Amino acid sequence: MPVLELYPTLEHCIETTARQQFNTLSAYCLNKGGLDPVSEIILEMLRRFLETADFRALREESVFYLIVGEKVKFTLTDNRENLSCRMEVVQEPRFE
């Protein structure tokens, strides 16, 4: 089952982050003349995510954590029938 992780910031919401990944991978595909099977699956996941996600709800879910300086990760998983998205706050290791 393919998995893709996206890390939005205060400057780039989850929609912008996904769109940038999609555009980068699309440009890579055009320059290379094609995609390997894994990149093709990821590109399709991003396309479906951009077409179907409720980005307003996803932004509302993550904005508080981003404002207080936390790192947020959205994990997309695809089992070919269902594309799911899960948000989690990433705990960064602290070195003292």
Protein backbone atom coordinates (compact mmCIF):
# COMPACT_ATOMS: atom_id res chain seq x y z
CA MET A 1 0.00 0.00 0.00
CA PRO A 2 1.61 3.31 -1.09
CA VAL A 3 2.20 5.94 1.59
CA LEU A 4 3.07 9.61 1.09
CA GLU A 5 3.97 12.12 3.81
CA LEU A 6 3.36 15.86 3.41
CA TYR A 7 4.64 18.53 5.82
CA PRO A 8 2.76 21.86 5.58
CA THR A 9 4.05 25.05 7.19
CA LEU A 10 2.54 28.40 8.09
CA GLU A 11 3.79 29.68 4.73
CA HIS A 12 2.43 26.73 2.72
CA CYS A 13 -0.80 25.01 3.74
CA ILE A 14 -1.49 21.36 3.01
CA GLU A 15 -3.10 22.17 -0.35
CA THR A 16 -0.11 24.23 -1.50
CA THR A 17 2.31 21.58 -0.24
CA ALA A 18 0.47 18.83 -2.14
CA ARG A 19 0.24 20.98 -5.28
CA GLN A 20 3.98 21.74 -5.14
CA GLN A 21 4.77 18.03 -4.83
CA PHE A 22 2.44 17.27 -7.75
CA ASN A 23 4.00 19.98 -9.94
CA THR A 24 7.55 18.93 -9.06
CA LEU A 25 6.85 15.30 -9.88
CA SER A 26 5.01 16.25 -13.10
CA ALA A 27 7.94 18.41 -14.24
CA TYR A 28 10.35 15.59 -13.43
CA CYS A 29 8.20 13.26 -15.52
CA LEU A 30 8.22 15.64 -18.49
CA ASN A 31 11.98 16.17 -18.31
CA LYS A 32 12.74 12.49 -17.95
CA GLY A 33 10.22 11.35 -20.55
CA GLY A 34 8.24 9.12 -18.21
CA LEU A 35 7.86 7.87 -14.69
CA ASP A 36 8.92 4.78 -12.87
CA PRO A 37 6.03 2.75 -11.39
CA VAL A 38 6.42 4.14 -7.85
CA SER A 39 6.47 7.77 -9.00
CA GLU A 40 3.44 7.08 -11.18
CA ILE A 41 1.50 5.79 -8.15
CA ILE A 42 2.52 8.81 -6.06
CA LEU A 43 1.53 11.23 -8.84
CA GLU A 44 -1.88 9.56 -9.08
CA MET A 45 -2.31 9.73 -5.29
CA LEU A 46 -1.52 13.44 -5.32
CA ARG A 47 -3.93 14.05 -8.21
CA ARG A 48 -6.76 12.28 -6.40
CA PHE A 49 -5.96 14.07 -3.15
CA LEU A 50 -5.99 17.49 -4.85
CA GLU A 51 -9.33 16.68 -6.51
CA THR A 52 -11.16 15.26 -3.51
CA ALA A 53 -9.75 16.59 -0.21
CA ASP A 54 -11.60 19.06 2.00
CA PHE A 55 -8.69 21.45 2.33
CA ARG A 56 -10.58 23.92 4.50
CA ALA A 57 -11.09 21.20 7.12
CA LEU A 58 -7.49 20.01 6.82
CA ARG A 59 -6.17 23.57 7.30
CA GLU A 60 -8.43 24.06 10.33
CA GLU A 61 -7.17 20.79 11.79
CA SER A 62 -3.50 21.77 11.50
CA VAL A 63 -3.28 25.56 11.84
CA PHE A 64 -3.26 25.73 15.64
CA TYR A 65 -0.29 23.36 15.88
CA LEU A 66 1.60 25.29 13.21
CA ILE A 67 0.95 28.62 14.94
CA VAL A 68 2.41 27.37 18.23
CA GLY A 69 5.50 26.07 16.41
CA GLU A 70 4.73 22.36 16.16
CA LYS A 71 5.59 20.31 13.08
CA VAL A 72 2.60 18.69 11.37
CA LYS A 73 2.60 15.66 9.09
CA PHE A 74 -0.21 14.49 6.82
CA THR A 75 0.06 10.86 5.77
CA LEU A 76 -1.75 9.76 2.61
CA THR A 77 -2.38 6.06 2.10
CA ASP A 78 -3.99 4.43 -0.91
CA ASN A 79 -5.39 0.93 -1.12
CA ARG A 80 -6.57 1.55 -4.73
CA GLU A 81 -10.22 1.85 -3.62
CA ASN A 82 -9.83 4.45 -0.91
CA LEU A 83 -7.42 7.34 -0.43
CA SER A 84 -7.12 8.28 3.23
CA CYS A 85 -5.43 11.19 4.96
CA ARG A 86 -4.31 11.32 8.58
CA MET A 87 -2.75 14.27 10.40
CA GLU A 88 -0.37 13.98 13.31
CA VAL A 89 1.84 16.34 15.26
CA VAL A 90 5.47 15.31 14.90
CA GLN A 91 7.46 15.37 18.10
CA GLU A 92 10.98 16.51 17.30
CA PRO A 93 13.78 15.10 19.45
CA ARG A 94 15.20 17.58 21.92
CA PHE A 95 18.90 17.59 22.62
CA GLU A 96 20.11 19.13 25.84
